[in-house]
């Protein structure tokens, strides 16, 4: 199911995009977090961001997937990372 995904790593960056499915959303988040870690963070901050993103990643694949399959909007925040998934009908 296609969906709109928005994410924010506060206060560094935010974006939104259409993705084909939950796996595409997870991949988009992972790529964005990696770019932020490489370009804008100390090693300590990058490790904290990595852990927050890992938790959100797991939540997207469980709770996020279930909500989207029910046709519901889903949002989660862990640390400085926030993700919103909105199903596209």
Protein backbone atom coordinates (compact mmCIF):
# COMPACT_ATOMS: atom_id res chain seq x y z
CA UNK A 1 0.00 0.00 0.00
CA UNK A 2 1.36 3.39 -0.99
CA UNK A 3 1.79 5.91 1.77
CA UNK A 4 3.07 9.36 2.61
CA UNK A 5 5.94 9.40 5.06
CA UNK A 6 7.28 12.40 6.92
CA UNK A 7 10.19 12.32 9.31
CA UNK A 8 12.11 14.72 11.49
CA UNK A 9 15.42 14.53 13.27
CA UNK A 10 15.02 17.54 15.54
CA UNK A 11 16.45 20.12 15.13
CA UNK A 12 18.65 19.01 12.24
CA UNK A 13 16.45 17.97 9.31
CA UNK A 14 12.99 16.96 8.17
CA UNK A 15 11.41 15.74 4.95
CA UNK A 16 8.44 13.96 3.47
CA UNK A 17 7.94 11.69 0.49
CA UNK A 18 5.65 9.18 -1.14
CA UNK A 19 6.80 5.60 -0.63
CA UNK A 20 5.43 2.35 -2.00
CA UNK A 21 5.13 0.47 1.29
CA UNK A 22 6.40 0.20 4.85
CA UNK A 23 9.69 -1.31 3.72
CA UNK A 24 10.22 1.71 1.45
CA UNK A 25 9.50 4.02 4.38
CA UNK A 26 12.00 2.19 6.58
CA UNK A 27 14.62 2.36 3.84
CA UNK A 28 14.03 6.09 3.34
CA UNK A 29 14.40 6.73 7.08
CA UNK A 30 17.54 4.60 7.33
CA UNK A 31 19.18 6.41 4.39
CA UNK A 32 18.29 9.83 5.77
CA UNK A 33 19.58 9.01 9.25
CA UNK A 34 22.82 7.67 7.78
CA UNK A 35 23.38 10.88 5.79
CA UNK A 36 22.74 12.99 8.89
CA UNK A 37 25.13 10.89 10.97
CA UNK A 38 27.88 11.19 8.36
CA UNK A 39 27.55 14.92 7.79
CA UNK A 40 26.23 16.64 10.87
CA UNK A 41 27.02 14.74 14.05
CA UNK A 42 29.73 13.89 16.51
CA UNK A 43 30.31 10.15 17.03
CA UNK A 44 28.48 10.27 20.39
CA UNK A 45 25.45 12.07 18.94
CA UNK A 46 25.47 9.70 15.96
CA UNK A 47 25.30 6.71 18.31
CA UNK A 48 22.32 8.21 20.18
CA UNK A 49 20.56 8.93 16.88
CA UNK A 50 21.31 5.39 15.67
CA UNK A 51 19.57 3.90 18.72
CA UNK A 52 16.52 6.16 18.38
CA UNK A 53 16.26 5.33 14.68
CA UNK A 54 16.59 1.59 15.41
CA UNK A 55 13.65 1.72 17.82
CA UNK A 56 11.51 3.74 15.37
CA UNK A 57 12.51 1.30 12.59
CA UNK A 58 11.17 -1.63 14.64
CA UNK A 59 7.99 0.26 15.53
CA UNK A 60 7.38 1.12 11.88
CA UNK A 61 7.55 -2.57 10.95
CA UNK A 62 5.11 -3.57 13.70
CA UNK A 63 2.71 -0.90 14.99
CA UNK A 64 3.16 1.35 11.95
CA UNK A 65 2.44 -1.44 9.49
CA UNK A 66 -0.67 -2.50 11.43
CA UNK A 67 -2.04 1.06 11.53
CA UNK A 68 -1.43 1.67 7.83
CA UNK A 69 -3.06 -1.65 6.92
CA UNK A 70 -6.14 -0.50 8.87
CA UNK A 71 -6.08 2.74 6.87
CA UNK A 72 -5.00 4.82 9.87
CA UNK A 73 -2.40 7.55 10.25
CA UNK A 74 0.47 6.56 12.55
CA UNK A 75 3.05 8.72 14.35
CA UNK A 76 5.85 7.78 16.71
CA UNK A 77 8.65 9.71 18.37
CA UNK A 78 11.76 8.32 20.03
CA UNK A 79 14.36 10.79 21.23
CA UNK A 80 14.91 13.32 18.46
CA UNK A 81 13.37 11.13 15.72
CA UNK A 82 9.72 11.42 14.72
CA UNK A 83 8.00 9.56 11.87
CA UNK A 84 4.46 9.88 10.52
CA UNK A 85 2.92 7.41 8.06
CA UNK A 86 -0.30 8.23 6.19
CA UNK A 87 -1.90 5.60 3.93
CA UNK A 88 -2.71 6.61 0.35
CA UNK A 89 -5.84 4.99 -1.03
